[in-house]
């Protein structure tokens, strides 16, 4: 049994006993990691603990022992909840009114994404000091491949990760949880096993046995809909997938069948990709009261399209597929998409595609949320090619470039389209 102390970050002498010692032989602390493959594994998933809420507590010590929820108003959802709030059953994506009903004494804080992003960048830079192979998944989590770094740092990947966790804690006053394994799928699962401030390991020897009795929903990509379809076929646990051949699962579940077959066996050949492309760019808003009026929906839709266009431009990207998200008053989510003839970064083209999708759903139902996104992203250089048969597109491109030039010189609010001003007035009058 290989042992590592997470407090003094020292490797302990190998133990022949299956039960590790209760304390570190060097520092006397109890936070030991014990695993036969500990120093042979190099793929990690790092996840900050209750990140948004932890940053807020760090910056305001008066909140230390209080339940903290980061999220929108009563109509919004929970972005993050500290571990005190989680004791009351509060969790991410929970409607805010339910969270406040479960934990009425919680301190609610509006998200400060600029602050969270800045802290996330600090942690990511620390990661990159260990290895260039860092694949961010979000502001507060990433995959790392530390293969071959032992000679560089003079210690195993496991020891380097323990040093990193200690550094984040001492320098930023935040905690992270580490998952270590031999592939990305299992490393991500491991990082959730010992939260908060955890360090969990899944090795090759126990991977299949570990996965066998877990619900199929543990497999990345298996949402409620697919889980229901699998359950209908008697596939409830991961081990229920093992009798099926890969081609049989592909025939029944499409490309997802390949993942089901391989992940059920603890196999995942995906590399840690530091240049993983952004898959989509989106923006959404929750209404203060449910909305059925198409005019109000369109008033809300336009500024969202502008935000998506701005984010595409900043990222030097363009989207070929436009997707609209609507959430009904009873929390049913509708997602509708439309492909474009060419990728775009223009708010006008995004709006026209999204408008048609929203109009198809405005049948008297009331909605509490609307969102729009662009996916199938490509380089900005091929966006919105000239089309002599589409004079509206040519005009939109010229207007967009002119507005962009003005905003670069005078700021974002220096100029706006008439639709944006009309939309704002329409919104105010409809929601009074």
Protein backbone atom coordinates (compact mmCIF):
# COMPACT_ATOMS: atom_id res chain seq x y z
CA UNK A 1 0.00 0.00 0.00
CA UNK A 2 1.44 3.38 -1.07
CA UNK A 3 0.84 6.26 1.33
CA UNK A 4 0.95 10.05 1.03
CA UNK A 5 0.34 12.66 3.71
CA UNK A 6 -1.66 15.58 2.37
CA UNK A 7 -0.52 17.90 5.14
CA UNK A 8 3.26 17.52 5.00
CA UNK A 9 3.11 16.19 1.38
CA UNK A 10 5.57 13.41 2.13
CA UNK A 11 5.44 9.84 0.88
CA UNK A 12 5.34 7.36 3.76
CA UNK A 13 7.19 4.04 3.71
CA UNK A 14 5.13 1.42 1.84
CA UNK A 15 2.81 -0.57 4.08
CA UNK A 16 2.10 -4.27 3.65
CA UNK A 17 -1.07 -3.92 5.65
CA UNK A 18 -4.35 -3.31 3.86
CA UNK A 19 -5.31 -0.89 6.66
CA UNK A 20 -3.23 2.32 6.49
CA UNK A 21 -1.92 3.92 9.69
CA UNK A 22 -4.21 6.41 11.39
CA UNK A 23 -1.60 9.19 11.41
CA UNK A 24 1.33 10.38 9.36
CA UNK A 25 4.64 9.06 10.70
CA UNK A 26 6.28 12.44 10.04
CA UNK A 27 3.80 15.15 11.05
CA UNK A 28 1.22 13.19 13.02
CA UNK A 29 -1.74 14.44 10.97
CA UNK A 30 -4.54 12.20 9.79
CA UNK A 31 -5.08 13.28 6.18
CA UNK A 32 -3.49 10.31 4.46
CA UNK A 33 -4.08 9.06 0.93
CA UNK A 34 -3.56 5.32 0.57
CA UNK A 35 -3.70 3.38 -2.70
CA UNK A 36 -1.58 0.66 -4.34
CA UNK A 37 -1.40 2.64 -7.62
CA UNK A 38 -1.08 6.09 -6.07
CA UNK A 39 2.30 6.94 -7.60
CA UNK A 40 1.54 5.30 -10.97
CA UNK A 41 -1.45 7.46 -11.99
CA UNK A 42 -1.19 10.80 -13.80
CA UNK A 43 -4.64 11.96 -15.03
CA UNK A 44 -6.37 14.30 -12.59
CA UNK A 45 -9.56 16.28 -12.28
CA UNK A 46 -9.44 19.30 -9.97
CA UNK A 47 -12.63 20.92 -8.76
CA UNK A 48 -12.88 23.93 -6.46
CA UNK A 49 -15.21 23.38 -3.51
CA UNK A 50 -18.44 25.45 -3.67
CA UNK A 51 -16.35 27.92 -5.62
CA UNK A 52 -18.56 31.02 -5.97
CA UNK A 53 -19.80 30.79 -2.38
CA UNK A 54 -16.29 30.07 -1.08
CA UNK A 55 -14.91 33.17 -2.80
CA UNK A 56 -17.67 35.28 -1.24
CA UNK A 57 -16.99 33.83 2.23
CA UNK A 58 -13.28 34.41 1.81
CA UNK A 59 -13.86 38.05 0.93
CA UNK A 60 -16.33 38.60 3.76
CA UNK A 61 -15.31 36.71 6.93
CA UNK A 62 -18.63 37.64 8.57
CA UNK A 63 -20.24 35.04 6.29
CA UNK A 64 -17.95 32.21 7.38
CA UNK A 65 -20.50 30.26 9.48
CA UNK A 66 -23.62 31.39 7.65
CA UNK A 67 -25.49 29.62 4.82
CA UNK A 68 -24.60 31.44 1.59
CA UNK A 69 -26.38 31.11 -1.74
CA UNK A 70 -25.01 32.70 -4.89
CA UNK A 71 -27.74 33.27 -7.44
CA UNK A 72 -30.41 35.51 -8.91
CA UNK A 73 -33.56 36.93 -7.40
CA UNK A 74 -36.60 34.95 -6.34
CA UNK A 75 -37.27 34.02 -9.96
CA UNK A 76 -33.74 32.83 -10.67
CA UNK A 77 -31.83 29.69 -9.81
CA UNK A 78 -28.98 28.82 -7.46
CA UNK A 79 -25.56 29.22 -9.06
CA UNK A 80 -23.72 27.89 -6.01
CA UNK A 81 -24.41 27.03 -2.40
CA UNK A 82 -21.92 26.77 0.43
CA UNK A 83 -21.75 23.54 2.42
CA UNK A 84 -23.74 25.05 5.29
CA UNK A 85 -26.63 25.76 2.88
CA UNK A 86 -26.31 22.28 1.40
CA UNK A 87 -27.14 20.79 4.79
CA UNK A 88 -30.63 22.25 4.25
CA UNK A 89 -30.90 20.61 0.83
CA UNK A 90 -29.91 23.61 -1.29
CA UNK A 91 -28.02 22.74 -4.47
CA UNK A 92 -26.96 24.25 -7.78
CA UNK A 93 -29.68 24.84 -10.40
CA UNK A 94 -32.42 24.72 -7.73
CA UNK A 95 -35.08 27.40 -8.23
CA UNK A 96 -34.34 30.24 -5.86
CA UNK A 97 -37.76 30.22 -4.24
CA UNK A 98 -37.30 26.55 -3.31
CA UNK A 99 -33.82 27.24 -1.95
CA UNK A 100 -35.10 30.07 0.24
CA UNK A 101 -37.99 27.93 1.41
CA UNK A 102 -35.53 25.20 2.47
CA UNK A 103 -33.08 27.67 4.00
CA UNK A 104 -34.87 30.95 4.79
CA UNK A 105 -31.93 32.36 6.76
CA UNK A 106 -29.50 32.07 3.85
CA UNK A 107 -27.51 35.09 2.72
CA UNK A 108 -28.17 35.54 -0.99
CA UNK A 109 -25.45 37.16 -3.09
CA UNK A 110 -25.67 38.13 -6.75
CA UNK A 111 -22.98 36.42 -8.86
CA UNK A 112 -19.85 38.47 -9.58
CA UNK A 113 -18.52 36.61 -12.60
CA UNK A 114 -15.63 39.01 -13.18
CA UNK A 115 -14.31 38.31 -9.68
CA UNK A 116 -14.79 34.54 -9.98
CA UNK A 117 -13.08 34.49 -13.37
CA UNK A 118 -10.08 36.38 -12.00
CA UNK A 119 -9.66 33.90 -9.14
CA UNK A 120 -10.17 31.00 -11.53
CA UNK A 121 -7.34 32.31 -13.72
CA UNK A 122 -5.03 32.44 -10.70
CA UNK A 123 -5.72 28.78 -9.93
CA UNK A 124 -5.29 27.82 -13.57
CA UNK A 125 -1.89 29.47 -13.69
CA UNK A 126 -0.86 27.40 -10.66
CA UNK A 127 -2.01 24.29 -12.54
CA UNK A 128 0.04 25.23 -15.59
CA UNK A 129 3.14 25.47 -13.44
CA UNK A 130 2.77 21.71 -12.95
CA UNK A 131 1.98 20.77 -16.54
CA UNK A 132 1.09 22.50 -19.84
CA UNK A 133 -1.63 19.88 -20.33
CA UNK A 134 -4.47 21.65 -18.53
CA UNK A 135 -7.96 21.39 -20.01
CA UNK A 136 -10.39 23.81 -18.34
CA UNK A 137 -14.00 22.67 -18.11
CA UNK A 138 -15.28 25.81 -16.41
CA UNK A 139 -14.03 28.64 -14.22
CA UNK A 140 -13.45 26.31 -11.29
CA UNK A 141 -12.54 22.88 -12.67
CA UNK A 142 -10.06 21.33 -15.08
CA UNK A 143 -8.38 18.12 -16.20
CA UNK A 144 -4.60 17.79 -15.87
CA UNK A 145 -2.25 15.28 -17.46
CA UNK A 146 0.92 15.02 -15.37
CA UNK A 147 2.47 12.16 -17.33
CA UNK A 148 6.26 12.53 -17.39
CA UNK A 149 6.37 15.40 -14.86
CA UNK A 150 8.06 13.38 -12.08
CA UNK A 151 11.54 14.14 -13.41
CA UNK A 152 10.69 17.81 -13.85
CA UNK A 153 9.36 18.35 -10.32
CA UNK A 154 11.25 15.64 -8.47
CA UNK A 155 8.04 14.08 -7.19
CA UNK A 156 5.15 11.94 -8.40
CA UNK A 157 1.99 13.45 -9.91
CA UNK A 158 0.11 12.61 -6.70
CA UNK A 159 2.64 14.53 -4.60
CA UNK A 160 2.52 17.49 -7.03
CA UNK A 161 -1.26 17.59 -6.75
CA UNK A 162 -1.08 17.58 -2.95
CA UNK A 163 1.39 20.50 -3.13
CA UNK A 164 -0.97 22.37 -5.49
CA UNK A 165 -3.97 21.87 -3.19
CA UNK A 166 -1.95 23.16 -0.25
CA UNK A 167 -0.76 26.16 -2.23
CA UNK A 168 -4.30 27.13 -3.29
CA UNK A 169 -5.36 26.89 0.33
CA UNK A 170 -2.48 28.95 1.72
CA UNK A 171 -2.25 31.62 -0.99
CA UNK A 172 -5.92 32.02 -2.02
CA UNK A 173 -7.69 30.76 1.10
CA UNK A 174 -9.81 28.39 -1.00
CA UNK A 175 -9.99 24.61 -1.13
CA UNK A 176 -10.01 22.16 -4.01
CA UNK A 177 -10.83 18.48 -4.36
CA UNK A 178 -8.59 16.18 -6.39
CA UNK A 179 -9.56 13.10 -8.37
CA UNK A 180 -6.68 10.94 -9.65
CA UNK A 181 -6.94 8.03 -12.06
CA UNK A 182 -5.72 6.70 -15.38
CA UNK A 183 -8.32 8.45 -17.57
CA UNK A 184 -10.56 11.52 -17.59
CA UNK A 185 -13.84 9.72 -16.98
CA UNK A 186 -12.68 8.11 -13.75
CA UNK A 187 -10.68 11.13 -12.57
CA UNK A 188 -13.81 13.28 -12.72
CA UNK A 189 -15.81 10.70 -10.79
CA UNK A 190 -13.03 10.48 -8.19
CA UNK A 191 -13.00 14.23 -7.54
CA UNK A 192 -16.60 13.99 -6.26
CA UNK A 193 -15.96 11.10 -3.86
CA UNK A 194 -14.33 12.99 -0.99
CA UNK A 195 -15.61 16.56 -1.13
CA UNK A 196 -14.83 19.07 0.22
CA UNK A 197 -11.04 19.31 0.46
CA UNK A 198 -10.78 15.79 -0.85
CA UNK A 199 -8.25 13.58 -2.60
CA UNK A 200 -9.64 10.35 -4.06
CA UNK A 201 -8.07 7.73 -6.31
CA UNK A 202 -9.52 5.15 -8.70
CA UNK A 203 -6.93 2.73 -10.07
CA UNK A 204 -6.98 0.23 -12.89
CA UNK A 205 -7.35 -2.78 -10.63
CA UNK A 206 -10.61 -1.70 -9.00
CA UNK A 207 -12.21 0.37 -11.81
CA UNK A 208 -14.66 -2.26 -13.07
CA UNK A 209 -15.62 -3.37 -9.59
CA UNK A 210 -16.07 0.23 -8.49
CA UNK A 211 -18.35 1.02 -11.44
CA UNK A 212 -20.36 -2.22 -11.46
CA UNK A 213 -23.13 -1.33 -9.01
CA UNK A 214 -23.23 2.39 -9.71
CA UNK A 215 -26.34 3.75 -11.50
CA UNK A 216 -25.90 4.26 -15.24
CA UNK A 217 -26.33 8.00 -14.63
CA UNK A 218 -22.73 8.06 -13.37
CA UNK A 219 -21.62 7.76 -16.99
CA UNK A 220 -20.85 11.20 -18.39
CA UNK A 221 -23.54 12.20 -20.92
CA UNK A 222 -26.34 10.05 -19.47
CA UNK A 223 -29.05 12.54 -18.62
CA UNK A 224 -32.54 11.88 -17.31
CA UNK A 225 -33.97 11.10 -20.74
CA UNK A 226 -31.31 8.55 -21.68
CA UNK A 227 -31.36 7.08 -18.18
CA UNK A 228 -35.09 6.52 -18.56
CA UNK A 229 -34.58 4.79 -21.93
CA UNK A 230 -31.87 2.58 -20.46
CA UNK A 231 -34.00 1.73 -17.43
CA UNK A 232 -36.84 0.69 -19.73
CA UNK A 233 -34.48 -1.94 -21.16
CA UNK A 234 -33.53 -3.17 -17.71
CA UNK A 235 -30.22 -1.30 -17.67
CA UNK A 236 -30.11 0.36 -14.28
CA UNK A 237 -26.57 -0.23 -13.10
CA UNK A 238 -23.31 0.02 -15.02
CA UNK A 239 -22.83 -3.74 -14.82
CA UNK A 240 -26.07 -4.19 -16.79
CA UNK A 241 -24.27 -2.75 -19.83
CA UNK A 242 -21.48 -5.33 -19.80
CA UNK A 243 -23.34 -8.15 -21.65
CA UNK A 244 -23.98 -5.88 -24.66
CA UNK A 245 -21.64 -5.69 -27.65
CA UNK A 246 -20.51 -2.23 -28.72
CA UNK A 247 -22.29 -2.38 -32.08
CA UNK A 248 -25.52 -3.40 -30.39
CA UNK A 249 -25.41 -0.36 -28.11
CA UNK A 250 -24.55 1.91 -31.05
CA UNK A 251 -27.52 0.52 -32.99
CA UNK A 252 -29.83 1.29 -30.10
CA UNK A 253 -28.39 4.55 -28.75
CA UNK A 254 -26.39 6.04 -31.63
CA UNK A 255 -22.90 7.41 -31.01
CA UNK A 256 -23.64 7.44 -27.28
CA UNK A 257 -23.65 3.64 -27.43
CA UNK A 258 -19.89 3.62 -27.99
CA UNK A 259 -19.35 5.67 -24.86
CA UNK A 260 -21.69 3.45 -22.84
CA UNK A 261 -19.77 0.36 -23.90
CA UNK A 262 -16.33 1.77 -23.16
CA UNK A 263 -17.02 3.77 -20.01
CA UNK A 264 -18.85 0.79 -18.45
CA UNK A 265 -15.50 -1.03 -18.68
CA UNK A 266 -13.51 1.88 -17.29
CA UNK A 267 -12.10 2.71 -20.74
CA UNK A 268 -11.69 6.29 -21.92
CA UNK A 269 -9.09 7.20 -24.55
CA UNK A 270 -9.81 10.94 -24.60
CA UNK A 271 -6.68 13.01 -24.21
CA UNK A 272 -6.34 16.03 -21.93
CA UNK A 273 -6.54 18.80 -24.51
CA UNK A 274 -5.29 22.24 -23.42
CA UNK A 275 -6.71 23.72 -26.64
CA UNK A 276 -10.16 22.19 -26.39
CA UNK A 277 -12.47 24.44 -28.40
CA UNK A 278 -15.40 26.28 -26.88
CA UNK A 279 -18.50 24.26 -27.78
CA UNK A 280 -21.13 26.98 -27.47
CA UNK A 281 -21.71 30.58 -26.42
CA UNK A 282 -25.02 31.59 -24.90
CA UNK A 283 -26.96 34.04 -22.77
CA UNK A 284 -30.25 33.77 -20.91
CA UNK A 285 -32.50 35.68 -18.55
CA UNK A 286 -35.24 34.82 -16.06
CA UNK A 287 -38.35 37.00 -16.04
CA UNK A 288 -39.65 38.70 -12.92
CA UNK A 289 -43.05 37.26 -13.81
CA UNK A 290 -44.15 34.59 -16.29
CA UNK A 291 -44.56 35.89 -19.84
CA UNK A 292 -46.86 34.75 -22.64
CA UNK A 293 -46.91 37.91 -24.78
CA UNK A 294 -44.76 37.40 -27.93
CA UNK A 295 -43.84 41.10 -27.98
CA UNK A 296 -42.32 40.89 -24.50
CA UNK A 297 -40.49 37.68 -25.41
CA UNK A 298 -38.97 39.37 -28.46
CA UNK A 299 -38.07 42.39 -26.35
CA UNK A 300 -36.05 40.10 -24.10
CA UNK A 301 -34.62 38.09 -26.99
CA UNK A 302 -32.83 40.92 -28.79
CA UNK A 303 -30.39 41.97 -26.02
CA UNK A 304 -29.53 38.30 -25.48
CA UNK A 305 -28.66 38.00 -29.17
CA UNK A 306 -26.47 41.09 -28.85
CA UNK A 307 -24.63 39.55 -25.89
CA UNK A 308 -24.02 36.31 -27.79
CA UNK A 309 -22.75 38.26 -30.81
CA UNK A 310 -20.39 40.28 -28.61
CA UNK A 311 -19.02 37.15 -26.96
CA UNK A 312 -18.52 35.48 -30.32
CA UNK A 313 -16.61 38.53 -31.54
CA UNK A 314 -14.39 38.66 -28.45
CA UNK A 315 -13.60 34.95 -28.86
CA UNK A 316 -12.94 35.32 -32.63
CA UNK A 317 -15.64 32.75 -33.30
CA UNK A 318 -18.84 32.40 -35.29
CA UNK A 319 -21.77 30.01 -34.84
CA UNK A 320 -23.45 27.86 -37.47
CA UNK A 321 -26.30 26.62 -35.26
CA UNK A 322 -28.63 28.89 -33.25
CA UNK A 323 -30.45 27.41 -30.27
CA UNK A 324 -33.28 28.86 -28.20
CA UNK A 325 -34.08 27.72 -24.66
CA UNK A 326 -37.46 28.37 -23.07
CA UNK A 327 -38.59 27.28 -19.63
CA UNK A 328 -42.33 27.11 -18.98
CA UNK A 329 -44.02 28.27 -15.80
CA UNK A 330 -44.11 24.64 -14.60
CA UNK A 331 -40.31 24.35 -15.16
CA UNK A 332 -40.47 22.27 -18.37
CA UNK A 333 -37.51 23.15 -20.57
CA UNK A 334 -37.85 23.45 -24.35
CA UNK A 335 -34.79 23.54 -26.60
CA UNK A 336 -35.11 24.34 -30.30
CA UNK A 337 -32.30 24.73 -32.85
CA UNK A 338 -31.84 25.95 -36.42
CA UNK A 339 -28.81 25.58 -38.67
CA UNK A 340 -27.61 28.51 -40.80
CA UNK A 341 -26.27 28.42 -44.34
CA UNK A 342 -23.02 29.93 -43.05
CA UNK A 343 -21.59 30.70 -39.59
CA UNK A 344 -22.42 34.09 -38.12
CA UNK A 345 -21.34 36.48 -35.41
CA UNK A 346 -24.03 39.05 -36.27
CA UNK A 347 -26.68 39.83 -33.68
CA UNK A 348 -29.20 40.43 -36.49
CA UNK A 349 -28.79 36.96 -38.03
CA UNK A 350 -28.82 35.32 -34.60
CA UNK A 351 -31.98 37.25 -33.76
CA UNK A 352 -33.83 36.34 -36.97
CA UNK A 353 -33.13 32.64 -36.49
CA UNK A 354 -33.99 32.73 -32.80
CA UNK A 355 -37.11 34.82 -33.41
CA UNK A 356 -38.55 32.19 -35.73
CA UNK A 357 -37.89 29.46 -33.16
CA UNK A 358 -39.55 31.43 -30.37
CA UNK A 359 -42.55 32.34 -32.51
CA UNK A 360 -43.19 28.66 -33.16
CA UNK A 361 -43.60 28.11 -29.41
CA UNK A 362 -45.73 31.15 -28.53
CA UNK A 363 -49.09 29.41 -28.32
CA UNK A 364 -50.39 30.97 -25.11
CA UNK A 365 -48.04 29.17 -22.77
CA UNK A 366 -46.34 31.29 -20.15
CA UNK A 367 -42.56 31.25 -19.86
CA UNK A 368 -40.29 32.06 -16.93
CA UNK A 369 -36.96 31.98 -18.81
CA UNK A 370 -35.62 32.60 -22.30
CA UNK A 371 -32.12 32.00 -23.63
CA UNK A 372 -30.26 31.92 -26.93
CA UNK A 373 -26.97 30.32 -27.91
CA UNK A 374 -24.65 29.69 -30.85
CA UNK A 375 -22.90 26.36 -31.39
CA UNK A 376 -20.99 24.47 -34.11
CA UNK A 377 -18.42 27.21 -33.66
CA UNK A 378 -15.90 28.10 -36.35
CA UNK A 379 -13.26 30.75 -36.93
CA UNK A 380 -14.54 34.31 -37.23
CA UNK A 381 -12.73 34.75 -40.57
CA UNK A 382 -15.34 32.68 -42.41
CA UNK A 383 -18.34 34.34 -40.77
CA UNK A 384 -21.11 35.99 -42.77
CA UNK A 385 -19.69 35.66 -46.30
CA UNK A 386 -20.98 38.18 -48.88
CA UNK A 387 -24.15 37.12 -50.64
CA UNK A 388 -25.28 39.36 -53.50
CA UNK A 389 -28.70 37.72 -53.38
CA UNK A 390 -29.10 38.62 -49.72
CA UNK A 391 -28.93 42.40 -49.49
CA UNK A 392 -30.18 42.32 -45.89
CA UNK A 393 -27.07 40.39 -44.87
CA UNK A 394 -24.76 42.83 -46.63
CA UNK A 395 -26.47 45.72 -44.89
CA UNK A 396 -26.30 43.95 -41.53
CA UNK A 397 -22.56 43.34 -41.93
CA UNK A 398 -21.93 47.01 -42.72
CA UNK A 399 -24.03 48.21 -39.79
CA UNK A 400 -22.36 45.75 -37.43
CA UNK A 401 -18.85 46.84 -38.42
CA UNK A 402 -19.76 50.51 -38.10
CA UNK A 403 -21.24 50.00 -34.62
CA UNK A 404 -18.22 47.95 -33.57
CA UNK A 405 -15.89 50.79 -34.58
CA UNK A 406 -17.93 53.32 -32.59
CA UNK A 407 -18.03 51.09 -29.51
CA UNK A 408 -14.28 50.49 -29.63
CA UNK A 409 -13.71 54.24 -29.43
CA UNK A 410 -16.53 55.36 -27.17
CA UNK A 411 -17.72 52.32 -25.21
CA UNK A 412 -20.47 49.76 -25.55
CA UNK A 413 -23.33 52.11 -24.61
CA UNK A 414 -22.32 54.77 -27.13
CA UNK A 415 -24.56 53.34 -29.83
CA UNK A 416 -27.53 50.96 -30.01
CA UNK A 417 -29.97 49.73 -32.64
CA UNK A 418 -33.48 51.10 -32.65
CA UNK A 419 -34.82 47.62 -31.91
CA UNK A 420 -32.88 47.59 -28.67
CA UNK A 421 -34.42 50.87 -27.53
CA UNK A 422 -37.91 49.82 -28.58
CA UNK A 423 -37.44 46.46 -26.88
CA UNK A 424 -36.48 48.14 -23.64
CA UNK A 425 -39.56 50.40 -23.70
CA UNK A 426 -41.81 47.49 -24.65
CA UNK A 427 -40.45 45.40 -21.82
CA UNK A 428 -40.95 48.14 -19.26
CA UNK A 429 -44.54 48.79 -20.33
CA UNK A 430 -45.51 45.12 -20.51
CA UNK A 431 -44.11 44.19 -17.10
CA UNK A 432 -45.49 47.15 -15.13
